[in-house]
Amino acid sequence: MTTVDYATYIAGLPRVIAGAGAIFRDTEGRVLLVEPNYRDTWILPGGTVESDTGESPRQAARRETAEEIGLDVELGALLAVDWVRGEDRPPLVSYLYDGGVLDTAQLAAIRLQEEELLSWRLVHWDEGQKLVKRDLALRIGAALEALAGGRGPAELEDGLPPKGSVPTTG
């Protein structure tokens, strides 16, 4: 295959968006959610992976967290990977990392990115799942189960374990 043929081949491949976020909790086990000014539902800190810079999903989650809530925290384990089909956009691969338990000083240091976020709050997950879109609620729920069970990351498709996969619950 010549260089031109290879470039044409690469240009013709399907596009996929990659996003990454982090689940932060407090000592009571509540989950940190942020309220964006561009959606009518709450979300986790995170955003799009900037692949043109060579950024990895883990690096994107850390960068986005620092930008959005002012905390530069080394992230823990990968908790979930979700393939989210798109109707009006290319498919999204969403990576969700453990942001850990924030102490009182870290919570007091949260500073919102005013260009994108209106507020933040800590919620018990039974309340929080009502504040986020269904696909994100499924993803967060699976990630929290993986975290609680000490298992590897949840493999998801549109928030649910794919047929034939090993469930993350025990």
N, C-alpha and C. Protein backbone atom coordinates (compact mmCIF):
# COMPACT_ATOMS: atom_id res chain seq x y z
N MET A 1 0.86 -1.17 0.00
CA MET A 1 0.00 0.00 0.00
C MET A 1 0.91 1.24 0.00
N THR A 2 0.67 2.16 -0.88
CA THR A 2 1.48 3.36 -0.95
C THR A 2 1.05 4.34 0.15
N THR A 3 1.89 5.37 0.35
CA THR A 3 1.58 6.39 1.36
C THR A 3 0.27 7.09 1.06
N VAL A 4 0.03 7.43 -0.20
CA VAL A 4 -1.21 8.10 -0.58
C VAL A 4 -2.40 7.18 -0.32
N ASP A 5 -2.27 5.91 -0.67
CA ASP A 5 -3.35 4.96 -0.43
C ASP A 5 -3.64 4.84 1.07
N TYR A 6 -2.59 4.80 1.87
CA TYR A 6 -2.76 4.67 3.32
C TYR A 6 -3.45 5.91 3.89
N ALA A 7 -3.04 7.09 3.44
CA ALA A 7 -3.66 8.33 3.90
C ALA A 7 -5.14 8.37 3.52
N THR A 8 -5.45 7.92 2.32
CA THR A 8 -6.84 7.87 1.88
C THR A 8 -7.63 6.88 2.73
N TYR A 9 -7.03 5.75 3.01
CA TYR A 9 -7.66 4.74 3.87
C TYR A 9 -7.96 5.33 5.25
N ILE A 10 -6.99 5.96 5.86
CA ILE A 10 -7.17 6.56 7.20
C ILE A 10 -8.26 7.62 7.16
N ALA A 11 -8.25 8.47 6.14
CA ALA A 11 -9.25 9.53 6.02
C ALA A 11 -10.66 8.97 5.89
N GLY A 12 -10.79 7.77 5.37
CA GLY A 12 -12.10 7.18 5.17
C GLY A 12 -12.63 6.38 6.36
N LEU A 13 -11.81 6.23 7.40
CA LEU A 13 -12.27 5.46 8.56
C LEU A 13 -13.35 6.21 9.32
N PRO A 14 -14.24 5.49 10.00
CA PRO A 14 -15.28 6.14 10.79
C PRO A 14 -14.66 6.96 11.93
N ARG A 15 -15.35 8.00 12.32
CA ARG A 15 -14.89 8.86 13.40
C ARG A 15 -15.59 8.46 14.69
N VAL A 16 -14.85 8.55 15.80
CA VAL A 16 -15.37 8.28 17.13
C VAL A 16 -14.91 9.41 18.03
N ILE A 17 -15.81 9.88 18.87
CA ILE A 17 -15.47 10.91 19.86
C ILE A 17 -15.06 10.19 21.14
N ALA A 18 -14.06 10.70 21.83
CA ALA A 18 -13.66 10.14 23.13
C ALA A 18 -13.86 11.19 24.20
N GLY A 19 -14.47 10.78 25.29
CA GLY A 19 -14.68 11.65 26.43
C GLY A 19 -14.19 10.96 27.69
N ALA A 20 -13.90 11.75 28.71
CA ALA A 20 -13.39 11.19 29.96
C ALA A 20 -13.84 12.04 31.13
N GLY A 21 -14.15 11.39 32.23
CA GLY A 21 -14.59 12.10 33.42
C GLY A 21 -14.13 11.37 34.67
N ALA A 22 -14.48 11.95 35.81
CA ALA A 22 -14.07 11.39 37.09
C ALA A 22 -15.23 11.42 38.07
N ILE A 23 -15.29 10.38 38.88
CA ILE A 23 -16.26 10.32 39.98
C ILE A 23 -15.51 10.69 41.26
N PHE A 24 -15.92 11.81 41.85
CA PHE A 24 -15.39 12.24 43.14
C PHE A 24 -16.47 12.01 44.19
N ARG A 25 -16.03 11.62 45.37
CA ARG A 25 -16.95 11.40 46.48
C ARG A 25 -16.46 12.14 47.70
N ASP A 26 -17.35 12.31 48.68
CA ASP A 26 -16.93 12.86 49.96
C ASP A 26 -16.90 11.71 50.97
N THR A 27 -16.58 12.02 52.21
CA THR A 27 -16.44 10.97 53.23
C THR A 27 -17.76 10.27 53.54
N GLU A 28 -18.88 10.88 53.16
CA GLU A 28 -20.20 10.26 53.35
C GLU A 28 -20.59 9.39 52.16
N GLY A 29 -19.75 9.35 51.12
CA GLY A 29 -20.05 8.56 49.94
C GLY A 29 -20.89 9.29 48.90
N ARG A 30 -21.15 10.57 49.12
CA ARG A 30 -21.92 11.33 48.13
C ARG A 30 -21.06 11.60 46.90
N VAL A 31 -21.71 11.70 45.75
CA VAL A 31 -21.05 11.91 44.46
C VAL A 31 -21.10 13.39 44.11
N LEU A 32 -20.00 13.92 43.58
CA LEU A 32 -19.93 15.32 43.16
C LEU A 32 -20.46 15.43 41.74
N LEU A 33 -21.48 16.25 41.55
CA LEU A 33 -22.04 16.56 40.24
C LEU A 33 -21.88 18.05 39.97
N VAL A 34 -21.78 18.39 38.70
CA VAL A 34 -21.71 19.80 38.31
C VAL A 34 -22.88 20.12 37.39
N GLU A 35 -23.31 21.38 37.44
CA GLU A 35 -24.44 21.84 36.63
C GLU A 35 -23.91 22.71 35.50
N PRO A 36 -23.94 22.19 34.27
CA PRO A 36 -23.43 22.98 33.15
C PRO A 36 -24.46 24.01 32.68
N ASN A 37 -23.97 25.07 32.05
CA ASN A 37 -24.88 26.10 31.52
C ASN A 37 -25.37 25.76 30.12
N TYR A 38 -24.93 24.65 29.56
CA TYR A 38 -25.28 24.28 28.19
C TYR A 38 -26.18 23.04 28.11
N ARG A 39 -26.62 22.52 29.26
CA ARG A 39 -27.52 21.36 29.32
C ARG A 39 -28.55 21.59 30.42
N ASP A 40 -29.61 20.82 30.36
CA ASP A 40 -30.61 20.94 31.41
C ASP A 40 -30.51 19.82 32.44
N THR A 41 -29.41 19.07 32.40
CA THR A 41 -29.17 18.02 33.39
C THR A 41 -27.78 18.20 33.98
N TRP A 42 -27.53 17.57 35.10
CA TRP A 42 -26.24 17.61 35.77
C TRP A 42 -25.31 16.58 35.14
N ILE A 43 -24.00 16.76 35.34
CA ILE A 43 -23.00 15.86 34.78
C ILE A 43 -21.87 15.68 35.79
N LEU A 44 -20.91 14.84 35.44
CA LEU A 44 -19.66 14.71 36.19
C LEU A 44 -18.62 15.65 35.62
N PRO A 45 -17.63 16.04 36.40
CA PRO A 45 -16.51 16.78 35.81
C PRO A 45 -15.84 15.92 34.74
N GLY A 46 -15.57 16.53 33.60
CA GLY A 46 -14.94 15.80 32.51
C GLY A 46 -15.21 16.47 31.19
N GLY A 47 -14.76 15.85 30.12
CA GLY A 47 -14.98 16.44 28.81
C GLY A 47 -14.33 15.62 27.72
N THR A 48 -14.10 16.27 26.60
CA THR A 48 -13.60 15.63 25.39
C THR A 48 -12.09 15.44 25.44
N VAL A 49 -11.65 14.29 24.98
CA VAL A 49 -10.22 14.01 24.84
C VAL A 49 -9.71 14.78 23.64
N GLU A 50 -8.63 15.52 23.83
CA GLU A 50 -8.03 16.29 22.74
C GLU A 50 -6.98 15.42 22.05
N SER A 51 -7.45 14.60 21.14
CA SER A 51 -6.56 13.62 20.50
C SER A 51 -5.52 14.28 19.60
N ASP A 52 -5.81 15.48 19.11
CA ASP A 52 -4.82 16.14 18.24
C ASP A 52 -3.56 16.53 19.00
N THR A 53 -3.63 16.57 20.33
CA THR A 53 -2.45 16.88 21.14
C THR A 53 -1.77 15.62 21.67
N GLY A 54 -2.37 14.45 21.37
CA GLY A 54 -1.81 13.20 21.87
C GLY A 54 -2.29 12.87 23.28
N GLU A 55 -3.30 13.60 23.75
CA GLU A 55 -3.81 13.41 25.11
C GLU A 55 -4.50 12.06 25.23
N SER A 56 -4.27 11.38 26.35
CA SER A 56 -4.95 10.12 26.64
C SER A 56 -6.25 10.42 27.39
N PRO A 57 -7.17 9.45 27.47
CA PRO A 57 -8.39 9.67 28.25
C PRO A 57 -8.10 10.04 29.71
N ARG A 58 -7.15 9.38 30.34
CA ARG A 58 -6.80 9.69 31.73
C ARG A 58 -6.30 11.13 31.85
N GLN A 59 -5.44 11.54 30.93
CA GLN A 59 -4.93 12.92 30.95
C GLN A 59 -6.07 13.91 30.73
N ALA A 60 -7.01 13.57 29.85
CA ALA A 60 -8.15 14.45 29.59
C ALA A 60 -9.02 14.61 30.82
N ALA A 61 -9.29 13.51 31.51
CA ALA A 61 -10.12 13.58 32.71
C ALA A 61 -9.45 14.46 33.77
N ARG A 62 -8.15 14.32 33.92
CA ARG A 62 -7.44 15.15 34.91
C ARG A 62 -7.43 16.62 34.49
N ARG A 63 -7.15 16.87 33.21
CA ARG A 63 -7.14 18.26 32.71
C ARG A 63 -8.50 18.90 32.86
N GLU A 64 -9.54 18.19 32.43
CA GLU A 64 -10.89 18.73 32.51
C GLU A 64 -11.30 18.99 33.96
N THR A 65 -10.93 18.10 34.86
CA THR A 65 -11.23 18.29 36.27
C THR A 65 -10.55 19.55 36.81
N ALA A 66 -9.30 19.73 36.45
CA ALA A 66 -8.58 20.93 36.89
C ALA A 66 -9.23 22.19 36.31
N GLU A 67 -9.61 22.13 35.04
CA GLU A 67 -10.25 23.30 34.40
C GLU A 67 -11.64 23.58 34.98
N GLU A 68 -12.43 22.54 35.18
CA GLU A 68 -13.82 22.73 35.55
C GLU A 68 -14.07 23.00 37.02
N ILE A 69 -13.33 22.31 37.90
CA ILE A 69 -13.58 22.50 39.33
C ILE A 69 -12.34 22.96 40.10
N GLY A 70 -11.25 23.19 39.40
CA GLY A 70 -10.06 23.74 40.04
C GLY A 70 -9.26 22.76 40.88
N LEU A 71 -9.51 21.48 40.74
CA LEU A 71 -8.76 20.47 41.50
C LEU A 71 -7.92 19.63 40.54
N ASP A 72 -6.61 19.65 40.75
CA ASP A 72 -5.70 18.83 39.96
C ASP A 72 -5.37 17.60 40.79
N VAL A 73 -6.14 16.54 40.58
CA VAL A 73 -6.05 15.34 41.40
C VAL A 73 -5.58 14.18 40.54
N GLU A 74 -4.59 13.43 41.04
CA GLU A 74 -4.18 12.22 40.34
C GLU A 74 -5.33 11.22 40.44
N LEU A 75 -5.77 10.74 39.30
CA LEU A 75 -6.94 9.87 39.27
C LEU A 75 -6.57 8.43 39.55
N GLY A 76 -7.53 7.71 40.11
CA GLY A 76 -7.35 6.30 40.42
C GLY A 76 -7.74 5.42 39.25
N ALA A 77 -8.29 4.29 39.58
CA ALA A 77 -8.59 3.24 38.60
C ALA A 77 -9.64 3.66 37.58
N LEU A 78 -9.53 3.08 36.40
CA LEU A 78 -10.58 3.17 35.40
C LEU A 78 -11.75 2.35 35.92
N LEU A 79 -12.94 2.96 35.99
CA LEU A 79 -14.11 2.29 36.54
C LEU A 79 -15.09 1.81 35.48
N ALA A 80 -15.17 2.52 34.36
CA ALA A 80 -16.11 2.13 33.31
C ALA A 80 -15.66 2.67 31.96
N VAL A 81 -15.96 1.89 30.93
CA VAL A 81 -15.79 2.31 29.54
C VAL A 81 -17.14 2.05 28.87
N ASP A 82 -17.68 3.09 28.24
CA ASP A 82 -19.02 3.00 27.66
C ASP A 82 -18.98 3.43 26.20
N TRP A 83 -19.49 2.55 25.32
CA TRP A 83 -19.65 2.86 23.91
C TRP A 83 -21.06 3.42 23.76
N VAL A 84 -21.17 4.70 23.43
CA VAL A 84 -22.46 5.38 23.36
C VAL A 84 -22.75 5.71 21.91
N ARG A 85 -23.76 5.05 21.37
CA ARG A 85 -24.14 5.29 19.99
C ARG A 85 -24.71 6.70 19.85
N GLY A 86 -24.48 7.31 18.71
CA GLY A 86 -24.99 8.66 18.49
C GLY A 86 -25.95 8.71 17.33
N GLU A 87 -27.01 9.48 17.49
CA GLU A 87 -27.94 9.69 16.38
C GLU A 87 -27.55 10.92 15.57
N ASP A 88 -27.12 11.97 16.25
CA ASP A 88 -26.78 13.22 15.57
C ASP A 88 -25.30 13.56 15.71
N ARG A 89 -24.50 12.57 16.07
CA ARG A 89 -23.06 12.73 16.22
C ARG A 89 -22.40 11.37 16.06
N PRO A 90 -21.08 11.34 15.86
CA PRO A 90 -20.40 10.03 15.82
C PRO A 90 -20.52 9.33 17.17
N PRO A 91 -20.25 8.03 17.22
CA PRO A 91 -20.27 7.31 18.50
C PRO A 91 -19.26 7.94 19.48
N LEU A 92 -19.55 7.78 20.76
CA LEU A 92 -18.69 8.30 21.83
C LEU A 92 -18.18 7.13 22.65
N VAL A 93 -16.89 7.13 22.94
CA VAL A 93 -16.33 6.20 23.91
C VAL A 93 -16.05 7.04 25.15
N SER A 94 -16.73 6.69 26.24
CA SER A 94 -16.61 7.46 27.47
C SER A 94 -15.85 6.66 28.53
N TYR A 95 -14.81 7.26 29.06
CA TYR A 95 -13.97 6.65 30.09
C TYR A 95 -14.30 7.33 31.42
N LEU A 96 -14.49 6.55 32.47
CA LEU A 96 -14.83 7.10 33.77
C LEU A 96 -13.83 6.58 34.80
N TYR A 97 -13.15 7.53 35.48
CA TYR A 97 -12.09 7.21 36.43
C TYR A 97 -12.52 7.51 37.86
N ASP A 98 -11.86 6.85 38.80
CA ASP A 98 -12.07 7.11 40.21
C ASP A 98 -11.30 8.37 40.61
N GLY A 99 -12.03 9.40 40.99
CA GLY A 99 -11.39 10.63 41.46
C GLY A 99 -11.04 10.59 42.94
N GLY A 100 -11.53 9.57 43.63
CA GLY A 100 -11.23 9.40 45.04
C GLY A 100 -12.20 10.15 45.95
N VAL A 101 -11.85 10.12 47.23
CA VAL A 101 -12.64 10.78 48.26
C VAL A 101 -12.00 12.13 48.56
N LEU A 102 -12.78 13.18 48.39
CA LEU A 102 -12.28 14.54 48.64
C LEU A 102 -12.43 14.89 50.12
N ASP A 103 -11.37 15.47 50.67
CA ASP A 103 -11.44 15.90 52.07
C ASP A 103 -12.03 17.31 52.16
N THR A 104 -12.19 17.79 53.36
CA THR A 104 -12.82 19.10 53.58
C THR A 104 -12.05 20.22 52.88
N ALA A 105 -10.73 20.16 52.92
CA ALA A 105 -9.92 21.21 52.28
C ALA A 105 -10.10 21.19 50.76
N GLN A 106 -10.13 20.01 50.17
CA GLN A 106 -10.33 19.91 48.72
C GLN A 106 -11.72 20.42 48.33
N LEU A 107 -12.73 20.06 49.10
CA LEU A 107 -14.08 20.54 48.81
C LEU A 107 -14.15 22.06 48.90
N ALA A 108 -13.48 22.63 49.89
CA ALA A 108 -13.47 24.09 50.05
C ALA A 108 -12.70 24.78 48.93
N ALA A 109 -11.78 24.04 48.28
CA ALA A 109 -10.95 24.62 47.23
C ALA A 109 -11.61 24.56 45.85
N ILE A 110 -12.79 23.95 45.74
CA ILE A 110 -13.45 23.84 44.43
C ILE A 110 -13.77 25.23 43.91
N ARG A 111 -13.34 25.48 42.68
CA ARG A 111 -13.62 26.74 41.98
C ARG A 111 -14.14 26.38 40.60
N LEU A 112 -15.35 26.80 40.32
CA LEU A 112 -15.99 26.43 39.06
C LEU A 112 -15.48 27.24 37.88
N GLN A 113 -15.42 26.59 36.74
CA GLN A 113 -15.12 27.25 35.47
C GLN A 113 -16.40 27.98 35.05
N GLU A 114 -16.43 29.26 35.26
CA GLU A 114 -17.65 30.05 35.07
C GLU A 114 -18.15 30.07 33.63
N GLU A 115 -17.27 29.84 32.65
CA GLU A 115 -17.70 29.83 31.25
C GLU A 115 -18.63 28.64 30.94
N GLU A 116 -18.53 27.56 31.73
CA GLU A 116 -19.30 26.36 31.44
C GLU A 116 -20.21 25.89 32.56
N LEU A 117 -19.88 26.21 33.80
CA LEU A 117 -20.60 25.63 34.93
C LEU A 117 -21.31 26.66 35.79
N LEU A 118 -22.50 26.29 36.25
CA LEU A 118 -23.30 27.16 37.11
C LEU A 118 -23.10 26.85 38.59
N SER A 119 -23.00 25.56 38.93
CA SER A 119 -22.89 25.17 40.33
C SER A 119 -22.40 23.73 40.45
N TRP A 120 -22.15 23.32 41.68
CA TRP A 120 -21.79 21.93 41.96
C TRP A 120 -22.50 21.53 43.24
N ARG A 121 -22.62 20.23 43.42
CA ARG A 121 -23.21 19.72 44.65
C ARG A 121 -22.81 18.28 44.89
N LEU A 122 -22.91 17.86 46.13
CA LEU A 122 -22.68 16.48 46.52
C LEU A 122 -24.04 15.84 46.75
N VAL A 123 -24.25 14.66 46.18
CA VAL A 123 -25.55 14.00 46.29
C VAL A 123 -25.37 12.52 46.61
N HIS A 124 -26.30 12.01 47.41
CA HIS A 124 -26.37 10.56 47.56
C HIS A 124 -26.85 10.02 46.21
N TRP A 125 -26.33 8.88 45.79
CA TRP A 125 -26.57 8.43 44.44
C TRP A 125 -28.05 8.19 44.14
N ASP A 126 -28.85 7.79 45.13
CA ASP A 126 -30.28 7.59 44.85
C ASP A 126 -30.95 8.90 44.43
N GLU A 127 -30.46 10.02 44.92
CA GLU A 127 -30.94 11.33 44.48
C GLU A 127 -30.25 11.75 43.18
N GLY A 128 -28.96 11.54 43.11
CA GLY A 128 -28.17 11.98 41.96
C GLY A 128 -28.58 11.37 40.65
N GLN A 129 -28.99 10.10 40.67
CA GLN A 129 -29.35 9.45 39.41
C GLN A 129 -30.58 10.08 38.77
N LYS A 130 -31.34 10.84 39.53
CA LYS A 130 -32.50 11.55 38.98
C LYS A 130 -32.11 12.89 38.35
N LEU A 131 -30.90 13.35 38.61
CA LEU A 131 -30.44 14.65 38.12
C LEU A 131 -29.68 14.57 36.80
N VAL A 132 -29.22 13.37 36.43
CA VAL A 132 -28.41 13.19 35.23
C VAL A 132 -29.21 12.44 34.17
N LYS A 133 -28.74 12.53 32.92
CA LYS A 133 -29.38 11.77 31.85
C LYS A 133 -29.26 10.27 32.13
N ARG A 134 -30.20 9.52 31.56
CA ARG A 134 -30.27 8.08 31.81
C ARG A 134 -28.96 7.37 31.48
N ASP A 135 -28.35 7.68 30.32
CA ASP A 135 -27.12 6.97 29.95
C ASP A 135 -25.99 7.26 30.94
N LEU A 136 -25.91 8.49 31.42
CA LEU A 136 -24.89 8.82 32.42
C LEU A 136 -25.22 8.16 33.75
N ALA A 137 -26.48 8.11 34.12
CA ALA A 137 -26.88 7.45 35.37
C ALA A 137 -26.48 5.98 35.35
N LEU A 138 -26.70 5.31 34.21
CA LEU A 138 -26.31 3.91 34.08
C LEU A 138 -24.79 3.76 34.20
N ARG A 139 -24.05 4.65 33.54
CA ARG A 139 -22.58 4.59 33.56
C ARG A 139 -22.06 4.81 34.98
N ILE A 140 -22.58 5.82 35.65
CA ILE A 140 -22.13 6.10 37.02
C ILE A 140 -22.49 4.94 37.94
N GLY A 141 -23.70 4.41 37.80
CA GLY A 141 -24.12 3.28 38.63
C GLY A 141 -23.19 2.08 38.46
N ALA A 142 -22.85 1.77 37.21
CA ALA A 142 -21.94 0.65 36.94
C ALA A 142 -20.55 0.93 37.52
N ALA A 143 -20.10 2.18 37.41
CA ALA A 143 -18.78 2.54 37.94
C ALA A 143 -18.77 2.44 39.46
N LEU A 144 -19.84 2.88 40.11
CA LEU A 144 -19.92 2.78 41.57
C LEU A 144 -19.95 1.33 42.03
N GLU A 145 -20.63 0.47 41.25
CA GLU A 145 -20.64 -0.96 41.56
C GLU A 145 -19.24 -1.56 41.42
N ALA A 146 -18.53 -1.18 40.36
CA ALA A 146 -17.16 -1.67 40.16
C ALA A 146 -16.27 -1.21 41.30
N LEU A 147 -16.45 0.02 41.71
CA LEU A 147 -15.66 0.59 42.82
C LEU A 147 -15.95 -0.14 44.12
N ALA A 148 -17.22 -0.35 44.43
CA ALA A 148 -17.62 -1.00 45.67
C ALA A 148 -17.18 -2.47 45.71
N GLY A 149 -17.19 -3.11 44.54
CA GLY A 149 -16.83 -4.52 44.48
C GLY A 149 -15.36 -4.78 44.30
N GLY A 150 -14.58 -3.73 44.12
CA GLY A 150 -13.15 -3.89 43.91
C GLY A 150 -12.81 -4.61 42.63
N ARG A 151 -13.71 -4.55 41.65
CA ARG A 151 -13.50 -5.23 40.38
C ARG A 151 -12.92 -4.27 39.35
N GLY A 152 -12.53 -4.83 38.23
CA GLY A 152 -12.03 -4.03 37.13
C GLY A 152 -13.15 -3.20 36.53
N PRO A 153 -12.83 -2.48 35.48
CA PRO A 153 -13.81 -1.56 34.90
C PRO A 153 -15.01 -2.28 34.30
N ALA A 154 -16.15 -1.59 34.35
CA ALA A 154 -17.36 -2.09 33.71
C ALA A 154 -17.28 -1.81 32.22
N GLU A 155 -17.58 -2.82 31.41
CA GLU A 155 -17.67 -2.66 29.97
C GLU A 155 -19.14 -2.42 29.65
N LEU A 156 -19.43 -1.29 28.99
CA LEU A 156 -20.81 -0.90 28.74
C LEU A 156 -21.03 -0.54 27.29
N GLU A 157 -22.26 -0.69 26.86
CA GLU A 157 -22.73 -0.18 25.57
C GLU A 157 -24.03 0.57 25.86
N ASP A 158 -24.01 1.86 25.62
CA ASP A 158 -25.15 2.71 25.95
C ASP A 158 -25.56 2.54 27.41
N GLY A 159 -24.55 2.41 28.28
CA GLY A 159 -24.78 2.34 29.71
C GLY A 159 -25.04 0.95 30.28
N LEU A 160 -25.18 -0.05 29.43
CA LEU A 160 -25.51 -1.39 29.88
C LEU A 160 -24.42 -2.40 29.49
N PRO A 161 -24.23 -3.45 30.30
CA PRO A 161 -23.27 -4.48 29.90
C PRO A 161 -23.71 -5.11 28.57
N PRO A 162 -22.79 -5.28 27.62
CA PRO A 162 -23.17 -5.89 26.34
C PRO A 162 -23.55 -7.36 26.52
N LYS A 163 -24.38 -7.86 25.63
CA LYS A 163 -24.77 -9.26 25.67
C LYS A 163 -23.53 -10.13 25.58
N GLY A 164 -23.47 -11.14 26.41
CA GLY A 164 -22.34 -12.06 26.38
C GLY A 164 -21.17 -11.64 27.25
N SER A 165 -21.23 -10.42 27.81
CA SER A 165 -20.12 -9.99 28.67
C SER A 165 -20.34 -10.51 30.09
N VAL A 166 -19.28 -10.51 30.85
CA VAL A 166 -19.37 -10.91 32.25
C VAL A 166 -19.89 -9.71 33.03
N PRO A 167 -20.99 -9.86 33.77
CA PRO A 167 -21.52 -8.72 34.53
C PRO A 167 -20.55 -8.23 35.58
N THR A 168 -20.62 -6.93 35.89
CA THR A 168 -19.73 -6.36 36.90
C THR A 168 -20.27 -6.58 38.30
N THR A 169 -21.53 -6.96 38.43
CA THR A 169 -22.10 -7.19 39.75
C THR A 169 -21.84 -8.62 40.16
N GLY A 170 -21.78 -8.84 41.47
CA GLY A 170 -21.45 -10.15 41.96
C GLY A 170 -22.57 -10.91 42.38
